Amino acid sequence: MRLYSAALDRTLLARAERVRAERPWMRRWRAAGERMMRAVDRSAWRRLEPGAGDEALLAQTLLEVRACAPRGAPRPRVMHVIGSLAAGGAERQVVYTARETKRCGAADTEIVVLNPLEGAARHYLPLAESGGVAVRVAGASVDGPAMERVCGDERLVRTLGAVDPAYRAWCTDLAGECAALRPDVVHAWLDHANIWAGIAALAMGVPRVVLSTRNVNPTHFPSLHGPYFGAWYRVLARSPRVAFIANSRAGAEDYAAWMGVDASRFRVVLNGFDAESMRVGDAQALARLRTELGLEGRRVVLGVFRLSEEKHPLVWAEVVRRLLAEDPGLVALHAGDGPMRDALARAMADVPADRFRMLGVRADVGSLMTLATVVLHTSRKEGTPNALLEAQSLGCPVVATAGGGTVDAVEDGGSGALCAVDDVEALQARAGEILRDPALRARMSARAAAFVRERFGMERMVRETLDVCGIPHASLGGAP
């Protein structure tokens, strides 16, 4: 039950009923059924408040809302907003940011998720809780004064009531959480949360709103793209209270071009990486895994990625087939799952089982990377490919396509090699060089671990994020 939005719906319905009572002719519409009644409700609401159903007017209203006065607390409060705490790169960065910000005493932090913390959606919940970061589900419980503000403030009721019904509930519940927590900063992550939290935070007068994009713009991913994203991003970008973060230069440039704003509107903050989070088995466990997978005395090319179109798994398969054909001592492994699982299986169907294995989702990815000779990644578009950071941190060189943020995540010729997207011949050649040349691999291995430490330090990520939030962070020190 989403409590703030349910209360707002009752308020809007009561107002519409009052209008309907004043217009007896509207009663004839009752026979048209529930769908028509909803249309009548919206029509009545527009008559009650002229233009309130027009999102262009809503946008202008949001831009005119003044920022609330500071709370006067010793530390600022940051409310992070994301869909869930599932096993994803953005979800992990949310928890890292909230934990480290709280640990260093720069701010009080809380995470608000949009979906119930059930099953896979709670993957990173233990990591958050172990760092003392509270996590709550938007609208799942209510604060009395917050509820009174959401449903009793005439301006706020008009504003939230004008949001498209397709996503009004999300905006309302986030507005309720803003009223309850009174954050100085709302920091949202990923497109849906960015839009809904952006609307809610501006409506509630939150002084600072930070929207984090984690890839290239959503038109590249039709299944994730909302038809209203572009228009709302452009509105939010007009507010001086709103700042944008991208985790790659390519992502920042792509979003900026799509939104029609200058790229300087985005601050590039590369991901933070916690090397201690990588779980690798001890020597005995690694030996058992090597035997189990038939890797004794053999080189290994490994893929760790979701089996979806943007990762180009069939390009990966073609490169792997060529490498297997030229190197009889090579074994190929893939860890991960997704909608193109069957397509990859068909592409590799004639490869002997002792030379290629699809492992599915694994909890021992760190151990697999430790046993691998090279990690191969053929994605078309990326934000920051965390799997490549993980592999390099463990000393495994990577060969990858220069798609999106991958150019920031791999040092070409140092920690690995970058090739053009879909360039099968180049991918084969660069991976083959590493597989055949132990000295080259050793040099890349040493550089890979150092590269991740230098470029993707956790302190550096938190410090740069706090800069965007406008929060002092002297206690973090100056280390990268």
Protein backbone atom coordinates (compact mmCIF):
# COMPACT_ATOMS: atom_id res chain seq x y z
CA MET A 1 0.00 0.00 0.00
CA ARG A 2 1.41 3.37 -1.01
CA LEU A 3 0.05 5.57 1.73
CA TYR A 4 0.92 9.12 0.75
CA SER A 5 -0.34 8.67 -2.80
CA ALA A 6 -3.50 6.92 -1.59
CA ALA A 7 -4.26 9.84 0.70
CA LEU A 8 -3.71 12.33 -2.12
CA ASP A 9 -6.02 10.31 -4.40
CA ARG A 10 -8.75 10.49 -1.74
CA THR A 11 -8.24 14.24 -1.48
CA LEU A 12 -8.44 14.70 -5.25
CA LEU A 13 -11.52 12.47 -5.46
CA ALA A 14 -13.28 14.40 -2.69
CA ARG A 15 -12.62 17.66 -4.53
CA ALA A 16 -13.85 16.19 -7.80
CA GLU A 17 -16.99 14.92 -6.07
CA ARG A 18 -17.70 18.42 -4.77
CA VAL A 19 -17.40 19.80 -8.27
CA ARG A 20 -19.62 17.01 -9.59
CA ALA A 21 -22.27 17.81 -6.97
CA GLU A 22 -22.27 21.40 -8.14
CA ARG A 23 -22.85 20.26 -11.73
CA PRO A 24 -25.85 17.86 -11.74
CA TRP A 25 -25.47 17.14 -15.44
CA MET A 26 -22.23 15.31 -14.70
CA ARG A 27 -24.14 12.55 -12.87
CA ARG A 28 -25.20 11.16 -16.26
CA TRP A 29 -21.62 10.08 -16.80
CA ARG A 30 -21.82 7.53 -13.95
CA ALA A 31 -23.27 4.88 -16.26
CA ALA A 32 -20.19 5.03 -18.46
CA GLY A 33 -18.22 2.90 -15.99
CA GLU A 34 -15.05 3.28 -13.99
CA ARG A 35 -12.76 4.33 -16.83
CA MET A 36 -15.07 7.14 -17.87
CA MET A 37 -15.39 8.18 -14.23
CA ARG A 38 -11.65 8.57 -13.98
CA ALA A 39 -11.75 10.78 -17.06
CA VAL A 40 -14.55 12.81 -15.49
CA ASP A 41 -12.52 13.13 -12.29
CA ARG A 42 -9.60 14.56 -14.22
CA SER A 43 -11.89 16.84 -16.22
CA ALA A 44 -13.53 18.06 -13.01
CA TRP A 45 -10.13 18.68 -11.45
CA ARG A 46 -9.11 20.80 -14.41
CA ARG A 47 -12.31 22.81 -14.07
CA LEU A 48 -11.72 23.25 -10.35
CA GLU A 49 -8.17 24.48 -10.93
CA PRO A 50 -7.86 25.79 -14.51
CA GLY A 51 -4.80 24.39 -16.19
CA ALA A 52 -3.84 22.13 -13.27
CA GLY A 53 -3.91 19.09 -15.53
CA ASP A 54 -1.48 20.70 -17.95
CA GLU A 55 2.05 19.45 -17.27
CA ALA A 56 3.53 22.51 -18.96
CA LEU A 57 1.90 24.59 -16.24
CA LEU A 58 3.06 22.06 -13.66
CA ALA A 59 6.63 22.44 -14.90
CA GLN A 60 6.47 26.21 -14.58
CA THR A 61 5.00 25.87 -11.08
CA LEU A 62 7.85 23.60 -9.98
CA LEU A 63 10.45 26.04 -11.22
CA GLU A 64 8.84 28.82 -9.18
CA VAL A 65 8.86 26.93 -5.85
CA ARG A 66 11.33 28.45 -3.43
CA ALA A 67 13.90 26.36 -1.61
CA CYS A 68 13.11 25.62 2.02
CA ALA A 69 15.23 27.21 4.71
CA PRO A 70 18.08 25.04 6.08
CA ARG A 71 17.12 22.78 8.99
CA GLY A 72 19.86 24.21 11.18
CA ALA A 73 21.10 20.73 12.08
CA PRO A 74 24.81 20.07 12.76
CA ARG A 75 25.10 17.97 9.60
CA PRO A 76 23.17 18.14 6.32
CA ARG A 77 20.83 15.28 5.48
CA VAL A 78 20.98 13.45 2.14
CA MET A 79 18.08 11.34 0.89
CA HIS A 80 19.22 8.91 -1.79
CA VAL A 81 16.48 7.58 -4.09
CA ILE A 82 16.69 4.48 -6.30
CA GLY A 83 14.33 1.78 -7.55
CA SER A 84 15.73 -1.07 -5.43
CA LEU A 85 18.90 -2.49 -3.92
CA ALA A 86 19.18 -5.31 -6.46
CA ALA A 87 22.57 -6.60 -7.64
CA GLY A 88 23.38 -3.77 -10.05
CA GLY A 89 26.18 -1.27 -10.52
CA ALA A 90 24.11 1.82 -9.66
CA GLU A 91 22.65 0.12 -6.61
CA ARG A 92 26.10 -0.70 -5.32
CA GLN A 93 27.30 2.89 -5.87
CA VAL A 94 24.29 4.25 -3.94
CA VAL A 95 25.20 2.12 -0.94
CA TYR A 96 28.91 2.94 -1.18
CA THR A 97 28.13 6.68 -1.36
CA ALA A 98 25.67 6.62 1.55
CA ARG A 99 27.94 4.48 3.74
CA GLU A 100 31.11 6.46 3.16
CA THR A 101 29.36 9.83 3.51
CA LYS A 102 27.94 8.72 6.84
CA ARG A 103 31.21 7.13 7.98
CA CYS A 104 33.25 10.28 7.47
CA GLY A 105 30.62 12.40 9.23
CA ALA A 106 30.04 14.71 6.28
CA ALA A 107 26.25 14.16 6.29
CA ASP A 108 23.45 12.02 7.64
CA THR A 109 22.24 9.68 4.91
CA GLU A 110 19.20 7.56 4.24
CA ILE A 111 18.19 5.48 1.22
CA VAL A 112 14.61 5.49 -0.09
CA VAL A 113 13.72 2.73 -2.55
CA LEU A 114 10.69 2.72 -4.82
CA ASN A 115 9.97 -1.00 -4.71
CA PRO A 116 9.49 -3.45 -1.83
CA LEU A 117 12.68 -4.89 -0.34
CA GLU A 118 11.86 -8.46 -1.27
CA GLY A 119 13.85 -11.26 -2.88
CA ALA A 120 16.51 -10.05 -5.33
CA ALA A 121 15.56 -6.40 -4.65
CA ARG A 122 17.29 -6.56 -1.23
CA HIS A 123 20.69 -7.77 -2.47
CA TYR A 124 22.65 -4.77 -1.12
CA LEU A 125 20.47 -4.20 1.95
CA PRO A 126 22.94 -5.97 4.30
CA LEU A 127 25.77 -3.80 2.96
CA ALA A 128 23.77 -0.66 3.69
CA GLU A 129 22.68 -1.76 7.14
CA SER A 130 26.18 -2.85 8.14
CA GLY A 131 27.27 0.74 7.48
CA GLY A 132 24.49 2.15 9.63
CA VAL A 133 22.47 3.45 6.66
CA ALA A 134 18.68 3.21 7.11
CA VAL A 135 16.66 2.06 4.11
CA ARG A 136 12.94 2.72 3.70
CA VAL A 137 10.37 2.04 1.00
CA ALA A 138 8.67 5.16 -0.37
CA GLY A 139 5.12 5.45 0.94
CA ALA A 140 5.19 2.19 2.90
CA SER A 141 4.78 3.99 6.23
CA VAL A 142 3.72 7.53 7.01
CA ASP A 143 4.69 10.38 9.26
CA GLY A 144 1.67 12.29 10.61
CA PRO A 145 2.90 15.84 9.99
CA ALA A 146 4.23 14.78 6.57
CA MET A 147 0.82 13.38 5.61
CA GLU A 148 -0.85 16.58 6.78
CA ARG A 149 1.48 18.64 4.63
CA VAL A 150 1.05 16.51 1.50
CA CYS A 151 -2.77 16.58 1.68
CA GLY A 152 -3.33 19.87 3.50
CA ASP A 153 -1.13 22.26 1.52
CA GLU A 154 -3.34 23.70 -1.23
CA ARG A 155 -0.42 24.54 -3.50
CA LEU A 156 1.11 21.11 -3.07
CA VAL A 157 -2.18 19.31 -3.73
CA ARG A 158 -2.63 21.30 -6.93
CA THR A 159 0.95 20.59 -8.00
CA LEU A 160 0.98 16.85 -7.30
CA GLY A 161 -2.56 16.48 -8.64
CA ALA A 162 -1.39 17.81 -11.99
CA VAL A 163 1.26 15.09 -12.41
CA ASP A 164 0.35 12.50 -15.03
CA PRO A 165 -1.58 9.66 -13.33
CA ALA A 166 0.84 7.16 -14.89
CA TYR A 167 3.52 8.19 -12.40
CA ARG A 168 1.76 10.50 -9.96
CA ALA A 169 1.83 7.87 -7.18
CA TRP A 170 5.64 7.64 -7.27
CA CYS A 171 6.04 11.42 -7.16
CA THR A 172 3.55 11.75 -4.31
CA ASP A 173 5.14 9.07 -2.16
CA LEU A 174 8.55 10.63 -2.67
CA ALA A 175 7.09 14.02 -1.77
CA GLY A 176 5.82 12.42 1.43
CA GLU A 177 9.29 11.07 2.21
CA CYS A 178 10.75 14.54 1.61
CA ALA A 179 8.18 15.99 4.02
CA ALA A 180 9.05 13.35 6.62
CA LEU A 181 12.86 13.42 6.31
CA ARG A 182 13.31 17.10 5.41
CA PRO A 183 16.49 16.45 3.40
CA ASP A 184 18.90 19.18 2.45
CA VAL A 185 19.82 17.14 -0.63
CA VAL A 186 17.83 14.61 -2.64
CA HIS A 187 20.22 12.48 -4.69
CA ALA A 188 18.42 10.25 -7.19
CA TRP A 189 19.92 7.46 -9.27
CA LEU A 190 18.76 6.13 -12.68
CA ASP A 191 16.16 7.62 -15.01
CA HIS A 192 12.83 6.71 -13.41
CA ALA A 193 13.98 7.74 -9.95
CA ASN A 194 15.60 10.88 -11.38
CA ILE A 195 12.34 12.10 -12.92
CA TRP A 196 10.00 11.19 -10.07
CA ALA A 197 12.33 12.31 -7.28
CA GLY A 198 13.19 15.47 -9.23
CA ILE A 199 9.53 16.46 -9.48
CA ALA A 200 8.86 15.61 -5.82
CA ALA A 201 11.97 17.38 -4.49
CA LEU A 202 11.32 20.59 -6.43
CA ALA A 203 7.66 20.57 -5.33
CA MET A 204 8.75 20.19 -1.70
CA GLY A 205 11.35 22.96 -1.89
CA VAL A 206 14.37 20.71 -1.29
CA PRO A 207 17.39 23.05 -1.53
CA ARG A 208 19.61 20.77 -3.66
CA VAL A 209 18.61 18.03 -6.12
CA VAL A 210 21.25 15.78 -7.69
CA LEU A 211 20.32 13.46 -10.54
CA SER A 212 22.76 10.65 -11.39
CA THR A 213 22.75 9.14 -14.85
CA ARG A 214 24.63 5.85 -15.10
CA ASN A 215 24.92 5.15 -18.83
CA VAL A 216 24.21 6.80 -22.15
CA ASN A 217 20.74 8.32 -22.59
CA PRO A 218 17.71 6.02 -22.32
CA THR A 219 16.71 6.14 -26.00
CA HIS A 220 19.49 3.58 -26.50
CA PHE A 221 17.50 1.17 -24.32
CA PRO A 222 13.88 1.09 -25.56
CA SER A 223 12.72 -1.30 -22.86
CA LEU A 224 13.83 1.16 -20.15
CA HIS A 225 12.86 4.42 -21.84
CA GLY A 226 9.83 6.39 -20.66
CA PRO A 227 8.16 8.62 -23.27
CA TYR A 228 8.18 11.54 -20.84
CA PHE A 229 11.87 11.32 -19.84
CA GLY A 230 13.28 13.82 -22.32
CA ALA A 231 10.71 16.54 -21.66
CA TRP A 232 11.06 16.25 -17.89
CA TYR A 233 14.85 16.17 -17.96
CA ARG A 234 14.79 19.42 -19.90
CA VAL A 235 12.44 20.97 -17.33
CA LEU A 236 14.56 19.81 -14.40
CA ALA A 237 17.70 21.14 -16.08
CA ARG A 238 16.16 24.63 -16.01
CA SER A 239 16.18 24.73 -12.22
CA PRO A 240 19.27 26.19 -10.54
CA ARG A 241 18.62 23.77 -7.66
CA VAL A 242 19.25 20.75 -9.89
CA ALA A 243 22.69 19.30 -10.65
CA PHE A 244 23.59 16.33 -12.84
CA ILE A 245 26.18 13.59 -12.41
CA ALA A 246 27.37 11.12 -15.05
CA ASN A 247 29.80 8.31 -14.33
CA SER A 248 31.56 8.58 -17.70
CA ARG A 249 32.53 11.28 -20.14
CA ALA A 250 30.68 9.51 -22.94
CA GLY A 251 27.54 9.31 -20.81
CA ALA A 252 27.68 13.01 -19.92
CA GLU A 253 28.12 14.07 -23.54
CA ASP A 254 25.37 11.76 -24.78
CA TYR A 255 22.82 12.87 -22.19
CA ALA A 256 23.66 16.53 -22.69
CA ALA A 257 23.20 16.30 -26.47
CA TRP A 258 19.91 14.45 -26.07
CA MET A 259 18.60 16.95 -23.51
CA GLY A 260 19.78 19.93 -25.52
CA VAL A 261 21.97 21.36 -22.75
CA ASP A 262 25.65 22.18 -22.55
CA ALA A 263 27.83 19.27 -21.44
CA SER A 264 29.14 21.46 -18.62
CA ARG A 265 25.73 20.94 -16.95
CA PHE A 266 27.05 17.48 -16.02
CA ARG A 267 29.80 16.68 -13.54
CA VAL A 268 31.64 13.46 -14.40
CA VAL A 269 32.21 11.39 -11.26
CA LEU A 270 33.78 8.03 -11.99
CA ASN A 271 32.56 5.09 -9.91
CA GLY A 272 34.17 4.21 -6.63
CA PHE A 273 35.51 0.70 -6.25
CA ASP A 274 35.99 -1.23 -3.03
CA ALA A 275 38.63 -3.88 -3.68
CA GLU A 276 37.90 -5.45 -0.30
CA SER A 277 34.39 -6.30 -1.49
CA MET A 278 35.76 -8.78 -4.02
CA ARG A 279 35.39 -12.26 -2.62
CA VAL A 280 38.03 -14.71 -3.81
CA GLY A 281 38.43 -18.22 -2.52
CA ASP A 282 41.61 -19.37 -0.80
CA ALA A 283 44.17 -21.52 -2.60
CA GLN A 284 42.31 -24.75 -1.88
CA ALA A 285 38.98 -23.34 -3.05
CA LEU A 286 40.59 -22.04 -6.24
CA ALA A 287 42.17 -25.43 -6.87
CA ARG A 288 38.80 -27.15 -6.44
CA LEU A 289 37.14 -24.70 -8.81
CA ARG A 290 39.91 -25.16 -11.38
CA THR A 291 39.40 -28.92 -11.27
CA GLU A 292 35.60 -28.66 -11.31
CA LEU A 293 35.67 -26.55 -14.48
CA GLY A 294 38.42 -28.55 -16.19
CA LEU A 295 40.90 -25.68 -16.29
CA GLU A 296 44.08 -27.50 -15.23
CA GLY A 297 46.98 -26.32 -17.37
CA ARG A 298 44.72 -24.37 -19.70
CA ARG A 299 44.27 -20.71 -20.57
CA VAL A 300 40.86 -19.15 -19.90
CA VAL A 301 38.91 -16.42 -21.68
CA LEU A 302 36.03 -15.25 -19.49
CA GLY A 303 32.91 -13.18 -20.10
CA VAL A 304 30.98 -11.65 -17.20
CA PHE A 305 27.98 -9.68 -18.42
CA ARG A 306 24.21 -9.71 -18.69
CA LEU A 307 22.99 -11.55 -21.77
CA SER A 308 21.09 -8.67 -23.34
CA GLU A 309 21.28 -6.97 -26.73
CA GLU A 310 23.39 -3.96 -25.69
CA LYS A 311 26.13 -6.32 -24.46
CA HIS A 312 26.42 -7.89 -27.95
CA PRO A 313 26.78 -11.49 -26.74
CA LEU A 314 26.81 -12.83 -30.30
CA VAL A 315 29.85 -10.70 -31.09
CA TRP A 316 31.45 -12.15 -27.95
CA ALA A 317 30.59 -15.64 -29.21
CA GLU A 318 32.17 -15.02 -32.62
CA VAL A 319 35.41 -13.72 -31.08
CA VAL A 320 35.53 -16.66 -28.67
CA ARG A 321 34.97 -19.20 -31.46
CA ARG A 322 37.89 -17.74 -33.39
CA LEU A 323 40.14 -17.78 -30.32
CA LEU A 324 39.21 -21.40 -29.57
CA ALA A 325 39.98 -22.39 -33.15
CA GLU A 326 43.49 -20.93 -33.05
CA ASP A 327 44.37 -22.08 -29.50
CA PRO A 328 43.67 -25.73 -28.62
CA GLY A 329 44.68 -25.08 -25.00
CA LEU A 330 41.99 -22.44 -24.45
CA VAL A 331 38.74 -22.77 -22.48
CA ALA A 332 35.93 -20.20 -22.63
CA LEU A 333 33.54 -19.46 -19.76
CA HIS A 334 30.58 -17.13 -19.43
CA ALA A 335 28.98 -16.01 -16.16
CA GLY A 336 25.64 -14.22 -16.21
CA ASP A 337 22.10 -14.54 -17.49
CA GLY A 338 19.54 -12.57 -19.46
CA PRO A 339 17.06 -12.65 -22.34
CA MET A 340 19.69 -13.70 -24.93
CA ARG A 341 20.78 -16.79 -23.01
CA ASP A 342 19.30 -19.17 -25.60
CA ALA A 343 20.79 -17.16 -28.47
CA LEU A 344 24.29 -17.51 -27.01
CA ALA A 345 23.74 -21.22 -26.39
CA ARG A 346 22.75 -21.72 -30.04
CA ALA A 347 25.73 -19.72 -31.28
CA MET A 348 28.08 -21.98 -29.30
CA ALA A 349 26.13 -25.23 -29.70
CA ASP A 350 28.81 -27.06 -31.72
CA VAL A 351 31.67 -26.19 -29.33
CA PRO A 352 32.64 -29.18 -27.15
CA ALA A 353 31.48 -28.99 -23.54
CA ASP A 354 35.06 -29.23 -22.26
CA ARG A 355 35.96 -26.03 -24.12
CA PHE A 356 32.97 -23.78 -23.43
CA ARG A 357 30.62 -23.55 -20.48
CA MET A 358 27.74 -21.22 -19.67
CA LEU A 359 27.82 -20.91 -15.90
CA GLY A 360 24.77 -18.71 -15.32
CA VAL A 361 24.64 -16.34 -12.36
CA ARG A 362 27.53 -17.04 -9.99
CA ALA A 363 28.44 -15.95 -6.48
CA ASP A 364 32.13 -16.72 -7.10
CA VAL A 365 32.84 -14.26 -9.92
CA GLY A 366 35.96 -13.03 -8.13
CA SER A 367 37.38 -16.53 -8.13
CA LEU A 368 36.54 -16.99 -11.80
CA MET A 369 38.36 -13.75 -12.62
CA THR A 370 41.37 -14.88 -10.60
CA LEU A 371 41.58 -18.06 -12.70
CA ALA A 372 41.01 -16.27 -16.03
CA THR A 373 43.82 -15.35 -18.40
CA VAL A 374 41.82 -12.53 -19.98
CA VAL A 375 38.31 -11.09 -19.65
CA LEU A 376 36.56 -10.32 -22.94
CA HIS A 377 33.80 -7.68 -23.09
CA THR A 378 32.02 -6.72 -26.34
CA SER A 379 29.32 -4.30 -25.22
CA ARG A 380 27.80 -1.74 -27.58
CA LYS A 381 27.11 0.83 -24.85
CA GLU A 382 28.18 1.08 -21.22
CA GLY A 383 28.08 3.49 -18.31
CA THR A 384 30.87 2.15 -16.15
CA PRO A 385 31.31 -1.63 -16.59
CA ASN A 386 31.87 -2.73 -13.00
CA ALA A 387 32.83 -6.25 -14.08
CA LEU A 388 35.88 -4.82 -15.83
CA LEU A 389 36.92 -2.90 -12.74
CA GLU A 390 36.57 -6.09 -10.71
CA ALA A 391 38.66 -8.11 -13.15
CA GLN A 392 41.43 -5.51 -13.32
CA SER A 393 41.50 -5.09 -9.53
CA LEU A 394 42.26 -8.82 -9.32
CA GLY A 395 45.07 -8.50 -11.87
CA CYS A 396 43.20 -9.90 -14.86
CA PRO A 397 43.73 -7.90 -18.09
CA VAL A 398 40.65 -7.09 -20.16
CA VAL A 399 39.95 -6.73 -23.86
CA ALA A 400 36.86 -4.63 -24.47
CA THR A 401 35.01 -2.52 -26.99
CA ALA A 402 35.26 1.26 -26.62
CA GLY A 403 31.51 1.61 -26.07
CA GLY A 404 30.48 4.52 -23.87
CA GLY A 405 32.10 4.61 -20.45
CA THR A 406 34.39 1.67 -21.12
CA VAL A 407 36.99 4.13 -22.43
CA ASP A 408 37.27 5.49 -18.88
CA ALA A 409 37.35 2.03 -17.31
CA VAL A 410 40.28 0.50 -19.23
CA GLU A 411 43.77 1.90 -19.89
CA ASP A 412 44.38 0.91 -23.49
CA GLY A 413 47.76 -0.76 -23.74
CA GLY A 414 48.21 -0.62 -19.97
CA SER A 415 45.53 -2.52 -18.04
CA GLY A 416 44.13 -4.09 -21.18
CA ALA A 417 43.08 -3.28 -24.72
CA LEU A 418 40.27 -1.29 -26.31
CA CYS A 419 38.84 -2.00 -29.77
CA ALA A 420 36.09 -0.47 -31.88
CA VAL A 421 32.56 -1.74 -31.28
CA ASP A 422 31.83 -4.88 -33.39
CA ASP A 423 35.43 -5.13 -34.62
CA VAL A 424 35.72 -8.91 -34.32
CA GLU A 425 39.14 -9.09 -35.96
CA ALA A 426 40.67 -6.51 -33.62
CA LEU A 427 39.12 -8.12 -30.54
CA GLN A 428 40.46 -11.50 -31.60
CA ALA A 429 43.93 -10.10 -32.31
CA ARG A 430 44.29 -8.20 -29.03
CA ALA A 431 42.95 -11.04 -26.89
CA GLY A 432 45.17 -13.50 -28.78
CA GLU A 433 48.27 -11.42 -28.03
CA ILE A 434 47.59 -11.54 -24.29
CA LEU A 435 46.78 -15.26 -24.37
CA ARG A 436 50.00 -16.12 -26.24
CA ASP A 437 52.42 -13.80 -24.45
CA PRO A 438 52.86 -14.50 -20.69
CA ALA A 439 55.21 -11.53 -20.27
CA LEU A 440 52.67 -9.14 -21.82
CA ARG A 441 49.95 -10.54 -19.59
CA ALA A 442 52.14 -10.15 -16.50
CA ARG A 443 52.83 -6.48 -17.30
CA MET A 444 49.14 -5.80 -17.91
CA SER A 445 48.18 -7.68 -14.77
CA ALA A 446 50.39 -5.51 -12.59
CA ARG A 447 49.18 -2.32 -14.26
CA ALA A 448 45.50 -3.34 -14.09
CA ALA A 449 45.37 -3.51 -10.30
CA ALA A 450 47.23 -0.22 -9.92
CA PHE A 451 45.03 1.49 -12.53
CA VAL A 452 41.82 0.67 -10.64
CA ARG A 453 43.28 1.91 -7.36
CA GLU A 454 44.40 5.18 -8.95
CA ARG A 455 41.34 6.06 -11.00
CA PHE A 456 38.44 4.50 -9.10
CA GLY A 457 39.29 5.21 -5.47
CA MET A 458 36.34 5.28 -3.09
CA GLU A 459 37.39 8.45 -1.26
CA ARG A 460 37.80 10.32 -4.52
CA MET A 461 34.29 9.28 -5.66
CA VAL A 462 32.67 10.35 -2.38
CA ARG A 463 34.57 13.64 -2.27
CA GLU A 464 33.55 14.56 -5.83
CA THR A 465 29.93 13.57 -5.17
CA LEU A 466 29.80 15.72 -2.03
CA ASP A 467 31.15 18.62 -4.09
CA VAL A 468 28.14 18.32 -6.41
CA CYS A 469 25.82 18.11 -3.39
CA GLY A 470 27.39 21.25 -1.95
CA ILE A 471 28.47 19.47 1.25
CA PRO A 472 31.85 20.20 2.92
CA HIS A 473 34.07 17.17 3.37
CA ALA A 474 37.29 18.22 5.09
CA SER A 475 37.37 14.99 7.10
CA LEU A 476 37.84 12.98 3.93
CA GLY A 477 41.36 14.27 3.44
CA GLY A 478 43.04 14.69 0.11
CA ALA A 479 43.95 11.14 -0.89
CA PRO A 480 42.76 9.99 -4.33
